[in-house]
Amino acid sequence: QVQLVESGGGLVQAGGSLRLSCAASGSSFSINAMAWYRQAPGKQRELVAVIKSDDTTTYTDSVKGRFTISRDNAKNTVYLQMNSLKPEDTAVYYCKANVNWLGSQYNYWGQGTQVTVSS
C-alpha cells in the first residue's frame, strides 16, 4: 500500500502564489508518474500537470506559464508551484501517483487540498 498526503492549500488573493506538496509513503514501491488534478464545484475533475519518471512535464493549457510541477525523488514528493493565481483556479487539488508495487502498477490518490483564490 502507498499513502499520499497533500499539504499547502489555502486562501489567496488573485495574483498570489501557493505551493502544494504531496508526499508518498509506504514500502517496496517505486514511482512512475505523479500528477495534480483539480475539481471545482459542479465540474469534472481535470488534469492540471504531470511529471514522469524522466522528469518530462505536461500541463493543461489554462495553467501553462503559471504553474510548475516538480519532484524530489529522494523524498518521494511532488510539488505544484502556482503563481499568478486566478479565481478560476479555485478547486480541490488532488495528487495522483502511478507506482510499481509488488510487481504491478497501481494508481493512488491523495485526500485533496482546497485552494481558494479571491478576486
N, C-alpha and C. Protein backbone atom coordinates (compact mmCIF):
# COMPACT_ATOMS: atom_id res chain seq x y z
N GLN A 1 0.84 -1.20 0.00
CA GLN A 1 0.00 0.00 0.00
C GLN A 1 0.86 1.24 0.00
N VAL A 2 0.36 2.27 -0.65
CA VAL A 2 1.05 3.56 -0.72
C VAL A 2 0.06 4.63 -0.26
N GLN A 3 0.54 5.53 0.57
CA GLN A 3 -0.30 6.63 1.03
C GLN A 3 0.25 7.94 0.48
N LEU A 4 -0.67 8.82 0.11
CA LEU A 4 -0.31 10.14 -0.37
C LEU A 4 -0.89 11.18 0.57
N VAL A 5 -0.06 12.09 1.02
CA VAL A 5 -0.51 13.15 1.92
C VAL A 5 -0.18 14.49 1.28
N GLU A 6 -1.22 15.29 1.09
CA GLU A 6 -1.07 16.59 0.46
C GLU A 6 -1.06 17.70 1.50
N SER A 7 -0.45 18.80 1.13
CA SER A 7 -0.45 19.98 2.00
C SER A 7 -0.21 21.21 1.15
N GLY A 8 -0.49 22.37 1.73
CA GLY A 8 -0.15 23.62 1.07
C GLY A 8 -1.31 24.42 0.53
N GLY A 9 -2.51 23.89 0.58
CA GLY A 9 -3.64 24.66 0.09
C GLY A 9 -3.98 25.81 1.01
N GLY A 10 -4.93 26.63 0.57
CA GLY A 10 -5.35 27.75 1.40
C GLY A 10 -6.08 28.80 0.60
N LEU A 11 -6.22 29.96 1.22
CA LEU A 11 -6.90 31.10 0.62
C LEU A 11 -5.87 32.14 0.22
N VAL A 12 -5.96 32.61 -1.01
CA VAL A 12 -5.01 33.59 -1.51
C VAL A 12 -5.74 34.57 -2.42
N GLN A 13 -5.25 35.78 -2.50
CA GLN A 13 -5.83 36.75 -3.41
C GLN A 13 -5.36 36.50 -4.83
N ALA A 14 -6.16 36.96 -5.77
CA ALA A 14 -5.79 36.83 -7.18
C ALA A 14 -4.42 37.49 -7.41
N GLY A 15 -3.60 36.81 -8.20
CA GLY A 15 -2.24 37.27 -8.44
C GLY A 15 -1.22 36.69 -7.48
N GLY A 16 -1.69 36.05 -6.43
CA GLY A 16 -0.81 35.47 -5.44
C GLY A 16 -0.29 34.10 -5.84
N SER A 17 0.44 33.49 -4.90
CA SER A 17 1.08 32.20 -5.16
C SER A 17 0.81 31.23 -4.01
N LEU A 18 0.82 29.96 -4.36
CA LEU A 18 0.76 28.88 -3.38
C LEU A 18 1.64 27.75 -3.89
N ARG A 19 2.13 26.95 -2.94
CA ARG A 19 2.91 25.77 -3.31
C ARG A 19 2.28 24.55 -2.64
N LEU A 20 1.84 23.62 -3.46
CA LEU A 20 1.28 22.37 -2.95
C LEU A 20 2.36 21.30 -2.90
N SER A 21 2.24 20.43 -1.89
CA SER A 21 3.16 19.31 -1.77
C SER A 21 2.35 18.02 -1.63
N CYS A 22 2.92 16.94 -2.11
CA CYS A 22 2.29 15.63 -1.99
C CYS A 22 3.40 14.61 -1.72
N ALA A 23 3.37 14.03 -0.54
CA ALA A 23 4.39 13.06 -0.15
C ALA A 23 3.83 11.65 -0.17
N ALA A 24 4.55 10.76 -0.82
CA ALA A 24 4.15 9.36 -0.90
C ALA A 24 4.93 8.55 0.12
N SER A 25 4.24 7.65 0.80
CA SER A 25 4.90 6.79 1.78
C SER A 25 4.38 5.38 1.66
N GLY A 26 5.17 4.44 2.13
CA GLY A 26 4.81 3.04 2.05
C GLY A 26 6.08 2.24 1.98
N SER A 27 5.98 1.02 1.54
CA SER A 27 7.18 0.19 1.43
C SER A 27 7.17 -0.55 0.10
N SER A 28 8.36 -0.83 -0.39
CA SER A 28 8.56 -1.65 -1.60
C SER A 28 7.87 -1.09 -2.82
N PHE A 29 7.92 0.22 -3.00
CA PHE A 29 7.32 0.77 -4.20
C PHE A 29 8.29 1.71 -4.90
N SER A 30 8.02 1.92 -6.18
CA SER A 30 8.74 2.94 -6.94
C SER A 30 7.72 3.73 -7.74
N ILE A 31 8.00 4.99 -7.90
CA ILE A 31 7.03 5.89 -8.53
C ILE A 31 7.35 6.05 -10.00
N ASN A 32 6.33 5.91 -10.81
CA ASN A 32 6.46 6.21 -12.24
C ASN A 32 6.14 7.68 -12.45
N ALA A 33 4.89 7.98 -12.66
CA ALA A 33 4.47 9.36 -12.88
C ALA A 33 3.70 9.87 -11.67
N MET A 34 3.76 11.17 -11.45
CA MET A 34 2.92 11.82 -10.45
C MET A 34 2.22 12.98 -11.12
N ALA A 35 1.03 13.28 -10.63
CA ALA A 35 0.22 14.29 -11.29
C ALA A 35 -0.63 15.04 -10.27
N TRP A 36 -1.04 16.21 -10.70
CA TRP A 36 -2.01 17.01 -9.94
C TRP A 36 -3.27 17.15 -10.79
N TYR A 37 -4.40 16.92 -10.13
CA TYR A 37 -5.71 17.14 -10.72
C TYR A 37 -6.42 18.19 -9.86
N ARG A 38 -7.50 18.73 -10.40
CA ARG A 38 -8.33 19.63 -9.60
C ARG A 38 -9.79 19.44 -9.98
N GLN A 39 -10.64 19.75 -9.01
CA GLN A 39 -12.07 19.65 -9.23
C GLN A 39 -12.75 20.85 -8.59
N ALA A 40 -13.35 21.65 -9.45
CA ALA A 40 -14.11 22.81 -8.98
C ALA A 40 -15.55 22.39 -8.74
N PRO A 41 -16.29 23.13 -7.91
CA PRO A 41 -17.68 22.78 -7.63
C PRO A 41 -18.51 22.67 -8.91
N GLY A 42 -19.21 21.57 -9.04
CA GLY A 42 -20.08 21.36 -10.19
C GLY A 42 -19.37 20.99 -11.47
N LYS A 43 -18.06 20.77 -11.39
CA LYS A 43 -17.30 20.42 -12.58
C LYS A 43 -16.61 19.08 -12.42
N GLN A 44 -16.20 18.52 -13.55
CA GLN A 44 -15.47 17.25 -13.51
C GLN A 44 -14.02 17.49 -13.08
N ARG A 45 -13.45 16.45 -12.53
CA ARG A 45 -12.03 16.52 -12.17
C ARG A 45 -11.21 16.63 -13.44
N GLU A 46 -10.23 17.53 -13.44
CA GLU A 46 -9.41 17.72 -14.63
C GLU A 46 -7.93 17.61 -14.28
N LEU A 47 -7.18 17.12 -15.25
CA LEU A 47 -5.73 17.02 -15.10
C LEU A 47 -5.10 18.41 -15.21
N VAL A 48 -4.24 18.72 -14.25
CA VAL A 48 -3.56 20.01 -14.24
C VAL A 48 -2.13 19.87 -14.77
N ALA A 49 -1.38 18.93 -14.22
CA ALA A 49 0.03 18.77 -14.61
C ALA A 49 0.49 17.36 -14.28
N VAL A 50 1.44 16.89 -15.08
CA VAL A 50 2.01 15.56 -14.90
C VAL A 50 3.53 15.66 -14.97
N ILE A 51 4.21 14.87 -14.14
CA ILE A 51 5.66 14.74 -14.26
C ILE A 51 5.99 13.25 -14.26
N LYS A 52 6.72 12.84 -15.27
CA LYS A 52 7.06 11.43 -15.42
C LYS A 52 8.41 11.12 -14.75
N SER A 53 8.77 9.85 -14.75
CA SER A 53 9.99 9.44 -14.08
C SER A 53 11.24 10.02 -14.74
N ASP A 54 11.14 10.39 -16.01
CA ASP A 54 12.28 11.02 -16.69
C ASP A 54 12.23 12.54 -16.58
N ASP A 55 11.33 13.05 -15.72
CA ASP A 55 11.16 14.47 -15.44
C ASP A 55 10.52 15.27 -16.57
N THR A 56 9.98 14.58 -17.57
CA THR A 56 9.22 15.31 -18.57
C THR A 56 7.90 15.76 -17.95
N THR A 57 7.43 16.93 -18.33
CA THR A 57 6.24 17.50 -17.74
C THR A 57 5.21 17.86 -18.80
N THR A 58 3.97 17.85 -18.39
CA THR A 58 2.86 18.23 -19.25
C THR A 58 1.90 19.06 -18.42
N TYR A 59 1.33 20.11 -19.05
CA TYR A 59 0.40 20.99 -18.35
C TYR A 59 -0.87 21.18 -19.18
N THR A 60 -1.96 21.38 -18.49
CA THR A 60 -3.16 21.79 -19.20
C THR A 60 -2.97 23.24 -19.64
N ASP A 61 -3.60 23.61 -20.74
CA ASP A 61 -3.33 24.91 -21.34
C ASP A 61 -3.59 26.08 -20.39
N SER A 62 -4.60 25.96 -19.55
CA SER A 62 -5.00 27.09 -18.71
C SER A 62 -3.97 27.45 -17.64
N VAL A 63 -3.02 26.57 -17.37
CA VAL A 63 -2.03 26.86 -16.33
C VAL A 63 -0.62 27.01 -16.88
N LYS A 64 -0.44 26.81 -18.16
CA LYS A 64 0.90 26.93 -18.74
C LYS A 64 1.48 28.33 -18.50
N GLY A 65 2.73 28.35 -18.08
CA GLY A 65 3.38 29.62 -17.79
C GLY A 65 3.11 30.14 -16.40
N ARG A 66 2.18 29.54 -15.67
CA ARG A 66 1.86 29.99 -14.31
C ARG A 66 2.18 28.93 -13.27
N PHE A 67 1.95 27.67 -13.60
CA PHE A 67 2.18 26.57 -12.66
C PHE A 67 3.43 25.79 -13.07
N THR A 68 4.12 25.26 -12.08
CA THR A 68 5.28 24.41 -12.32
C THR A 68 5.20 23.18 -11.44
N ILE A 69 5.27 22.01 -12.06
CA ILE A 69 5.30 20.76 -11.32
C ILE A 69 6.75 20.28 -11.22
N SER A 70 7.11 19.76 -10.06
CA SER A 70 8.47 19.25 -9.86
C SER A 70 8.41 18.10 -8.86
N ARG A 71 9.49 17.36 -8.75
CA ARG A 71 9.50 16.23 -7.84
C ARG A 71 10.86 16.09 -7.18
N ASP A 72 10.84 15.57 -5.97
CA ASP A 72 12.05 15.24 -5.23
C ASP A 72 12.02 13.74 -5.03
N ASN A 73 12.79 13.02 -5.84
CA ASN A 73 12.74 11.56 -5.81
C ASN A 73 13.21 11.00 -4.47
N ALA A 74 14.16 11.66 -3.85
CA ALA A 74 14.67 11.18 -2.56
C ALA A 74 13.60 11.22 -1.48
N LYS A 75 12.67 12.17 -1.62
CA LYS A 75 11.61 12.33 -0.63
C LYS A 75 10.28 11.77 -1.12
N ASN A 76 10.27 11.20 -2.33
CA ASN A 76 9.01 10.71 -2.92
C ASN A 76 7.92 11.77 -2.83
N THR A 77 8.28 12.96 -3.20
CA THR A 77 7.37 14.10 -3.06
C THR A 77 7.26 14.84 -4.39
N VAL A 78 6.05 15.27 -4.69
CA VAL A 78 5.80 16.09 -5.86
C VAL A 78 5.27 17.44 -5.40
N TYR A 79 5.63 18.47 -6.12
CA TYR A 79 5.22 19.83 -5.77
C TYR A 79 4.46 20.46 -6.94
N LEU A 80 3.61 21.41 -6.61
CA LEU A 80 2.98 22.23 -7.63
C LEU A 80 3.11 23.68 -7.19
N GLN A 81 3.99 24.40 -7.86
CA GLN A 81 4.14 25.83 -7.59
C GLN A 81 3.14 26.57 -8.46
N MET A 82 2.26 27.32 -7.82
CA MET A 82 1.19 28.01 -8.53
C MET A 82 1.39 29.50 -8.37
N ASN A 83 1.65 30.18 -9.46
CA ASN A 83 1.84 31.63 -9.46
C ASN A 83 0.74 32.30 -10.26
N SER A 84 0.62 33.60 -10.07
CA SER A 84 -0.38 34.39 -10.80
C SER A 84 -1.75 33.73 -10.73
N LEU A 85 -2.15 33.35 -9.55
CA LEU A 85 -3.40 32.62 -9.38
C LEU A 85 -4.60 33.47 -9.76
N LYS A 86 -5.60 32.80 -10.30
CA LYS A 86 -6.84 33.43 -10.74
C LYS A 86 -8.02 32.82 -10.00
N PRO A 87 -9.11 33.56 -9.87
CA PRO A 87 -10.29 32.97 -9.20
C PRO A 87 -10.73 31.65 -9.83
N GLU A 88 -10.54 31.50 -11.13
CA GLU A 88 -10.94 30.25 -11.78
C GLU A 88 -10.03 29.08 -11.44
N ASP A 89 -8.95 29.31 -10.72
CA ASP A 89 -8.11 28.23 -10.22
C ASP A 89 -8.66 27.63 -8.93
N THR A 90 -9.70 28.23 -8.39
CA THR A 90 -10.31 27.73 -7.16
C THR A 90 -10.85 26.32 -7.37
N ALA A 91 -10.42 25.40 -6.53
CA ALA A 91 -10.81 24.00 -6.67
C ALA A 91 -10.18 23.20 -5.53
N VAL A 92 -10.62 21.96 -5.42
CA VAL A 92 -9.89 21.00 -4.59
C VAL A 92 -8.83 20.35 -5.49
N TYR A 93 -7.60 20.38 -5.03
CA TYR A 93 -6.49 19.84 -5.80
C TYR A 93 -6.10 18.47 -5.24
N TYR A 94 -5.99 17.51 -6.14
CA TYR A 94 -5.68 16.13 -5.76
C TYR A 94 -4.35 15.71 -6.39
N CYS A 95 -3.59 14.98 -5.62
CA CYS A 95 -2.36 14.39 -6.10
C CYS A 95 -2.65 12.94 -6.50
N LYS A 96 -2.02 12.50 -7.56
CA LYS A 96 -2.15 11.11 -8.01
C LYS A 96 -0.77 10.55 -8.32
N ALA A 97 -0.53 9.34 -7.88
CA ALA A 97 0.75 8.69 -8.16
C ALA A 97 0.52 7.36 -8.86
N ASN A 98 1.26 7.12 -9.90
CA ASN A 98 1.27 5.82 -10.55
C ASN A 98 2.55 5.10 -10.10
N VAL A 99 2.37 3.98 -9.40
CA VAL A 99 3.52 3.35 -8.76
C VAL A 99 3.63 1.88 -9.17
N ASN A 100 4.84 1.38 -9.04
CA ASN A 100 5.08 -0.06 -9.16
C ASN A 100 5.14 -0.60 -7.73
N TRP A 101 4.32 -1.61 -7.46
CA TRP A 101 4.27 -2.18 -6.11
C TRP A 101 4.06 -3.68 -6.23
N LEU A 102 5.00 -4.42 -5.74
CA LEU A 102 4.94 -5.89 -5.76
C LEU A 102 4.68 -6.42 -7.15
N GLY A 103 5.34 -5.83 -8.15
CA GLY A 103 5.28 -6.34 -9.50
C GLY A 103 4.13 -5.85 -10.36
N SER A 104 3.27 -5.01 -9.81
CA SER A 104 2.15 -4.48 -10.59
C SER A 104 2.10 -2.96 -10.47
N GLN A 105 1.36 -2.35 -11.40
CA GLN A 105 1.19 -0.90 -11.35
C GLN A 105 -0.15 -0.54 -10.72
N TYR A 106 -0.12 0.50 -9.92
CA TYR A 106 -1.34 0.97 -9.25
C TYR A 106 -1.38 2.50 -9.32
N ASN A 107 -2.59 3.02 -9.22
CA ASN A 107 -2.79 4.45 -9.07
C ASN A 107 -3.32 4.75 -7.68
N TYR A 108 -2.72 5.72 -7.05
CA TYR A 108 -3.16 6.14 -5.73
C TYR A 108 -3.49 7.63 -5.76
N TRP A 109 -4.45 8.01 -4.91
CA TRP A 109 -4.89 9.40 -4.83
C TRP A 109 -4.70 9.94 -3.42
N GLY A 110 -4.39 11.23 -3.37
CA GLY A 110 -4.39 11.90 -2.08
C GLY A 110 -5.80 12.30 -1.70
N GLN A 111 -5.92 12.89 -0.51
CA GLN A 111 -7.23 13.22 0.03
C GLN A 111 -7.76 14.55 -0.50
N GLY A 112 -6.90 15.32 -1.13
CA GLY A 112 -7.32 16.61 -1.67
C GLY A 112 -7.00 17.76 -0.73
N THR A 113 -6.68 18.90 -1.33
CA THR A 113 -6.44 20.11 -0.55
C THR A 113 -7.13 21.27 -1.26
N GLN A 114 -7.82 22.09 -0.48
CA GLN A 114 -8.62 23.18 -1.04
C GLN A 114 -7.74 24.38 -1.37
N VAL A 115 -7.92 24.89 -2.57
CA VAL A 115 -7.29 26.14 -2.99
C VAL A 115 -8.41 27.11 -3.35
N THR A 116 -8.42 28.25 -2.68
CA THR A 116 -9.43 29.28 -2.94
C THR A 116 -8.73 30.58 -3.31
N VAL A 117 -9.08 31.11 -4.46
CA VAL A 117 -8.48 32.35 -4.94
C VAL A 117 -9.57 33.43 -4.97
N SER A 118 -9.39 34.45 -4.19
CA SER A 118 -10.38 35.52 -4.12
C SER A 118 -10.05 36.63 -5.11
N SER A 119 -11.08 37.26 -5.62
CA SER A 119 -10.88 38.33 -6.62
C SER A 119 -10.72 39.69 -5.96
